[in-house]
Amino acid sequence: MLVHYGLTDLGGEIAEETRVLCTWTHNRAAQVHAARAAYDQRTATSEGAPSAG
């Protein structure tokens, strides 16, 4: 017995939107990591530094 499965129209729509988000994430991952590292460095410096005075 052969069974065929497929997405509904709504399922196909969300699958396409998910592909777009995954592609964006893949293409921007290096920028996101760099921004996160820069933020971490800024906040570590400002939070961990002893106050002057």
PDB file of N, CA and C in Angstrom:
ATOM      1  N   MET A   1       0.848  -1.178   0.000  1.00  0.00           N
ATOM      2  CA  MET A   1       0.000   0.000   0.000  1.00  0.00           C
ATOM      3  C   MET A   1       0.896   1.244   0.000  1.00  0.00           C
ATOM      4  N   LEU A   2       0.665   2.137  -0.910  1.00  0.00           N
ATOM      5  CA  LEU A   2       1.446   3.353  -1.050  1.00  0.00           C
ATOM      6  C   LEU A   2       0.643   4.529  -0.497  1.00  0.00           C
ATOM      7  N   VAL A   3       1.257   5.290   0.372  1.00  0.00           N
ATOM      8  CA  VAL A   3       0.597   6.453   0.968  1.00  0.00           C
ATOM      9  C   VAL A   3       1.362   7.697   0.551  1.00  0.00           C
ATOM     10  N   HIS A   4       0.659   8.707   0.109  1.00  0.00           N
ATOM     11  CA  HIS A   4       1.268   9.983  -0.286  1.00  0.00           C
ATOM     12  C   HIS A   4       0.927  11.033   0.773  1.00  0.00           C
ATOM     13  N   TYR A   5       1.943  11.719   1.221  1.00  0.00           N
ATOM     14  CA  TYR A   5       1.759  12.788   2.189  1.00  0.00           C
ATOM     15  C   TYR A   5       2.100  14.114   1.526  1.00  0.00           C
ATOM     16  N   GLY A   6       1.441  15.139   1.942  1.00  0.00           N
ATOM     17  CA  GLY A   6       1.730  16.463   1.421  1.00  0.00           C
ATOM     18  C   GLY A   6       1.245  17.527   2.384  1.00  0.00           C
ATOM     19  N   LEU A   7       1.762  18.718   2.191  1.00  0.00           N
ATOM     20  CA  LEU A   7       1.360  19.840   3.028  1.00  0.00           C
ATOM     21  C   LEU A   7       0.077  20.469   2.496  1.00  0.00           C
ATOM     22  N   THR A   8      -0.694  21.004   3.396  1.00  0.00           N
ATOM     23  CA  THR A   8      -1.844  21.804   2.995  1.00  0.00           C
ATOM     24  C   THR A   8      -1.315  23.129   2.453  1.00  0.00           C
ATOM     25  N   ASP A   9      -2.189  23.947   1.912  1.00  0.00           N
ATOM     26  CA  ASP A   9      -1.769  25.266   1.435  1.00  0.00           C
ATOM     27  C   ASP A   9      -1.144  26.079   2.568  1.00  0.00           C
ATOM     28  N   LEU A  10      -1.765  26.028   3.748  1.00  0.00           N
ATOM     29  CA  LEU A  10      -1.202  26.757   4.895  1.00  0.00           C
ATOM     30  C   LEU A  10       0.157  26.190   5.293  1.00  0.00           C
ATOM     31  N   GLY A  11       0.274  24.880   5.270  1.00  0.00           N
ATOM     32  CA  GLY A  11       1.553  24.251   5.591  1.00  0.00           C
ATOM     33  C   GLY A  11       2.632  24.650   4.601  1.00  0.00           C
ATOM     34  N   GLY A  12       2.277  24.713   3.320  1.00  0.00           N
ATOM     35  CA  GLY A  12       3.231  25.150   2.302  1.00  0.00           C
ATOM     36  C   GLY A  12       3.642  26.593   2.494  1.00  0.00           C
ATOM     37  N   GLU A  13       2.683  27.422   2.920  1.00  0.00           N
ATOM     38  CA  GLU A  13       2.979  28.833   3.164  1.00  0.00           C
ATOM     39  C   GLU A  13       3.970  28.994   4.311  1.00  0.00           C
ATOM     40  N   ILE A  14       3.733  28.316   5.405  1.00  0.00           N
ATOM     41  CA  ILE A  14       4.649  28.453   6.550  1.00  0.00           C
ATOM     42  C   ILE A  14       6.000  27.807   6.247  1.00  0.00           C
ATOM     43  N   ALA A  15       6.000  26.755   5.442  1.00  0.00           N
ATOM     44  CA  ALA A  15       7.269  26.139   5.055  1.00  0.00           C
ATOM     45  C   ALA A  15       8.121  27.129   4.264  1.00  0.00           C
ATOM     46  N   GLU A  16       7.499  27.866   3.358  1.00  0.00           N
ATOM     47  CA  GLU A  16       8.244  28.865   2.578  1.00  0.00           C
ATOM     48  C   GLU A  16       8.750  29.983   3.472  1.00  0.00           C
ATOM     49  N   GLU A  17       7.909  30.467   4.376  1.00  0.00           N
ATOM     50  CA  GLU A  17       8.344  31.520   5.298  1.00  0.00           C
ATOM     51  C   GLU A  17       9.510  31.031   6.169  1.00  0.00           C
ATOM     52  N   THR A  18       9.462  29.791   6.585  1.00  0.00           N
ATOM     53  CA  THR A  18      10.526  29.220   7.394  1.00  0.00           C
ATOM     54  C   THR A  18      11.816  29.123   6.594  1.00  0.00           C
ATOM     55  N   ARG A  19      11.714  28.738   5.328  1.00  0.00           N
ATOM     56  CA  ARG A  19      12.906  28.686   4.470  1.00  0.00           C
ATOM     57  C   ARG A  19      13.531  30.062   4.342  1.00  0.00           C
ATOM     58  N   VAL A  20      12.700  31.093   4.164  1.00  0.00           N
ATOM     59  CA  VAL A  20      13.210  32.464   4.044  1.00  0.00           C
ATOM     60  C   VAL A  20      13.953  32.856   5.322  1.00  0.00           C
ATOM     61  N   LEU A  21      13.361  32.575   6.482  1.00  0.00           N
ATOM     62  CA  LEU A  21      14.000  32.908   7.757  1.00  0.00           C
ATOM     63  C   LEU A  21      15.309  32.138   7.927  1.00  0.00           C
ATOM     64  N   CYS A  22      15.317  30.880   7.564  1.00  0.00           N
ATOM     65  CA  CYS A  22      16.542  30.073   7.680  1.00  0.00           C
ATOM     66  C   CYS A  22      17.642  30.613   6.773  1.00  0.00           C
ATOM     67  N   THR A  23      17.272  31.009   5.570  1.00  0.00           N
ATOM     68  CA  THR A  23      18.253  31.571   4.633  1.00  0.00           C
ATOM     69  C   THR A  23      18.813  32.873   5.180  1.00  0.00           C
ATOM     70  N   TRP A  24      17.944  33.743   5.682  1.00  0.00           N
ATOM     71  CA  TRP A  24      18.396  35.009   6.262  1.00  0.00           C
ATOM     72  C   TRP A  24      19.358  34.745   7.416  1.00  0.00           C
ATOM     73  N   THR A  25      18.984  33.818   8.289  1.00  0.00           N
ATOM     74  CA  THR A  25      19.817  33.490   9.447  1.00  0.00           C
ATOM     75  C   THR A  25      21.176  32.971   9.005  1.00  0.00           C
ATOM     76  N   HIS A  26      21.188  32.087   8.039  1.00  0.00           N
ATOM     77  CA  HIS A  26      22.446  31.540   7.531  1.00  0.00           C
ATOM     78  C   HIS A  26      23.317  32.650   6.937  1.00  0.00           C
ATOM     79  N   ASN A  27      22.709  33.535   6.150  1.00  0.00           N
ATOM     80  CA  ASN A  27      23.461  34.603   5.489  1.00  0.00           C
ATOM     81  C   ASN A  27      23.950  35.672   6.453  1.00  0.00           C
ATOM     82  N   ARG A  28      23.297  35.840   7.575  1.00  0.00           N
ATOM     83  CA  ARG A  28      23.636  36.907   8.515  1.00  0.00           C
ATOM     84  C   ARG A  28      24.317  36.405   9.798  1.00  0.00           C
ATOM     85  N   ALA A  29      24.575  35.131   9.908  1.00  0.00           N
ATOM     86  CA  ALA A  29      25.098  34.553  11.146  1.00  0.00           C
ATOM     87  C   ALA A  29      26.396  35.225  11.587  1.00  0.00           C
ATOM     88  N   ALA A  30      27.312  35.464  10.673  1.00  0.00           N
ATOM     89  CA  ALA A  30      28.590  36.086  11.043  1.00  0.00           C
ATOM     90  C   ALA A  30      28.370  37.489  11.600  1.00  0.00           C
ATOM     91  N   GLN A  31      27.452  38.245  11.000  1.00  0.00           N
ATOM     92  CA  GLN A  31      27.159  39.590  11.496  1.00  0.00           C
ATOM     93  C   GLN A  31      26.523  39.544  12.880  1.00  0.00           C
ATOM     94  N   VAL A  32      25.628  38.607  13.087  1.00  0.00           N
ATOM     95  CA  VAL A  32      24.982  38.467  14.391  1.00  0.00           C
ATOM     96  C   VAL A  32      26.009  38.102  15.451  1.00  0.00           C
ATOM     97  N   HIS A  33      26.893  37.166  15.141  1.00  0.00           N
ATOM     98  CA  HIS A  33      27.924  36.769  16.110  1.00  0.00           C
ATOM     99  C   HIS A  33      28.882  37.926  16.407  1.00  0.00           C
ATOM    100  N   ALA A  34      29.250  38.688  15.392  1.00  0.00           N
ATOM    101  CA  ALA A  34      30.140  39.832  15.595  1.00  0.00           C
ATOM    102  C   ALA A  34      29.466  40.894  16.461  1.00  0.00           C
ATOM    103  N   ALA A  35      28.197  41.155  16.206  1.00  0.00           N
ATOM    104  CA  ALA A  35      27.462  42.145  17.007  1.00  0.00           C
ATOM    105  C   ALA A  35      27.350  41.675  18.451  1.00  0.00           C
ATOM    106  N   ARG A  36      27.092  40.395  18.650  1.00  0.00           N
ATOM    107  CA  ARG A  36      26.991  39.845  20.000  1.00  0.00           C
ATOM    108  C   ARG A  36      28.333  39.952  20.730  1.00  0.00           C
ATOM    109  N   ALA A  37      29.418  39.625  20.042  1.00  0.00           N
ATOM    110  CA  ALA A  37      30.749  39.704  20.653  1.00  0.00           C
ATOM    111  C   ALA A  37      31.096  41.145  21.010  1.00  0.00           C
ATOM    112  N   ALA A  38      30.764  42.083  20.121  1.00  0.00           N
ATOM    113  CA  ALA A  38      31.026  43.500  20.402  1.00  0.00           C
ATOM    114  C   ALA A  38      30.215  43.967  21.609  1.00  0.00           C
ATOM    115  N   TYR A  39      28.967  43.559  21.677  1.00  0.00           N
ATOM    116  CA  TYR A  39      28.128  43.916  22.821  1.00  0.00           C
ATOM    117  C   TYR A  39      28.694  43.322  24.113  1.00  0.00           C
ATOM    118  N   ASP A  40      29.042  42.041  24.058  1.00  0.00           N
ATOM    119  CA  ASP A  40      29.603  41.387  25.243  1.00  0.00           C
ATOM    120  C   ASP A  40      30.870  42.089  25.713  1.00  0.00           C
ATOM    121  N   GLN A  41      31.707  42.499  24.765  1.00  0.00           N
ATOM    122  CA  GLN A  41      32.947  43.189  25.127  1.00  0.00           C
ATOM    123  C   GLN A  41      32.647  44.547  25.762  1.00  0.00           C
ATOM    124  N   ARG A  42      31.703  45.285  25.181  1.00  0.00           N
ATOM    125  CA  ARG A  42      31.332  46.587  25.747  1.00  0.00           C
ATOM    126  C   ARG A  42      30.757  46.457  27.141  1.00  0.00           C
ATOM    127  N   THR A  43      29.852  45.520  27.330  1.00  0.00           N
ATOM    128  CA  THR A  43      29.190  45.402  28.623  1.00  0.00           C
ATOM    129  C   THR A  43      30.128  44.808  29.673  1.00  0.00           C
ATOM    130  N   ALA A  44      31.022  43.923  29.275  1.00  0.00           N
ATOM    131  CA  ALA A  44      31.982  43.360  30.223  1.00  0.00           C
ATOM    132  C   ALA A  44      32.941  44.449  30.701  1.00  0.00           C
ATOM    133  N   THR A  45      33.333  45.326  29.790  1.00  0.00           N
ATOM    134  CA  THR A  45      34.247  46.418  30.141  1.00  0.00           C
ATOM    135  C   THR A  45      33.558  47.411  31.064  1.00  0.00           C
ATOM    136  N   SER A  46      32.326  47.781  30.758  1.00  0.00           N
ATOM    137  CA  SER A  46      31.648  48.794  31.560  1.00  0.00           C
ATOM    138  C   SER A  46      31.159  48.228  32.890  1.00  0.00           C
ATOM    139  N   GLU A  47      30.791  46.949  32.931  1.00  0.00           N
ATOM    140  CA  GLU A  47      30.290  46.367  34.179  1.00  0.00           C
ATOM    141  C   GLU A  47      31.417  45.884  35.081  1.00  0.00           C
ATOM    142  N   GLY A  48      32.516  45.428  34.474  1.00  0.00           N
ATOM    143  CA  GLY A  48      33.580  44.843  35.262  1.00  0.00           C
ATOM    144  C   GLY A  48      34.653  45.823  35.681  1.00  0.00           C
ATOM    145  N   ALA A  49      34.647  47.015  35.133  1.00  0.00           N
ATOM    146  CA  ALA A  49      35.690  47.973  35.451  1.00  0.00           C
ATOM    147  C   ALA A  49      35.436  48.618  36.808  1.00  0.00           C
ATOM    148  N   PRO A  50      36.494  48.786  37.570  1.00  0.00           N
ATOM    149  CA  PRO A  50      36.317  49.482  38.859  1.00  0.00           C
ATOM    150  C   PRO A  50      35.980  50.950  38.613  1.00  0.00           C
ATOM    151  N   SER A  51      35.168  51.513  39.491  1.00  0.00           N
ATOM    152  CA  SER A  51      34.802  52.911  39.318  1.00  0.00           C
ATOM    153  C   SER A  51      35.969  53.815  39.731  1.00  0.00           C
ATOM    154  N   ALA A  52      36.086  54.898  38.999  1.00  0.00           N
ATOM    155  CA  ALA A  52      37.156  55.851  39.288  1.00  0.00           C
ATOM    156  C   ALA A  52      36.711  56.744  40.440  1.00  0.00           C
ATOM    157  N   GLY A  53      37.598  56.939  41.367  1.00  0.00           N
ATOM    158  CA  GLY A  53      37.271  57.888  42.425  1.00  0.00           C
ATOM    159  C   GLY A  53      37.315  57.305  43.710  1.00  0.00           C
TER     160      GLY A  53
END
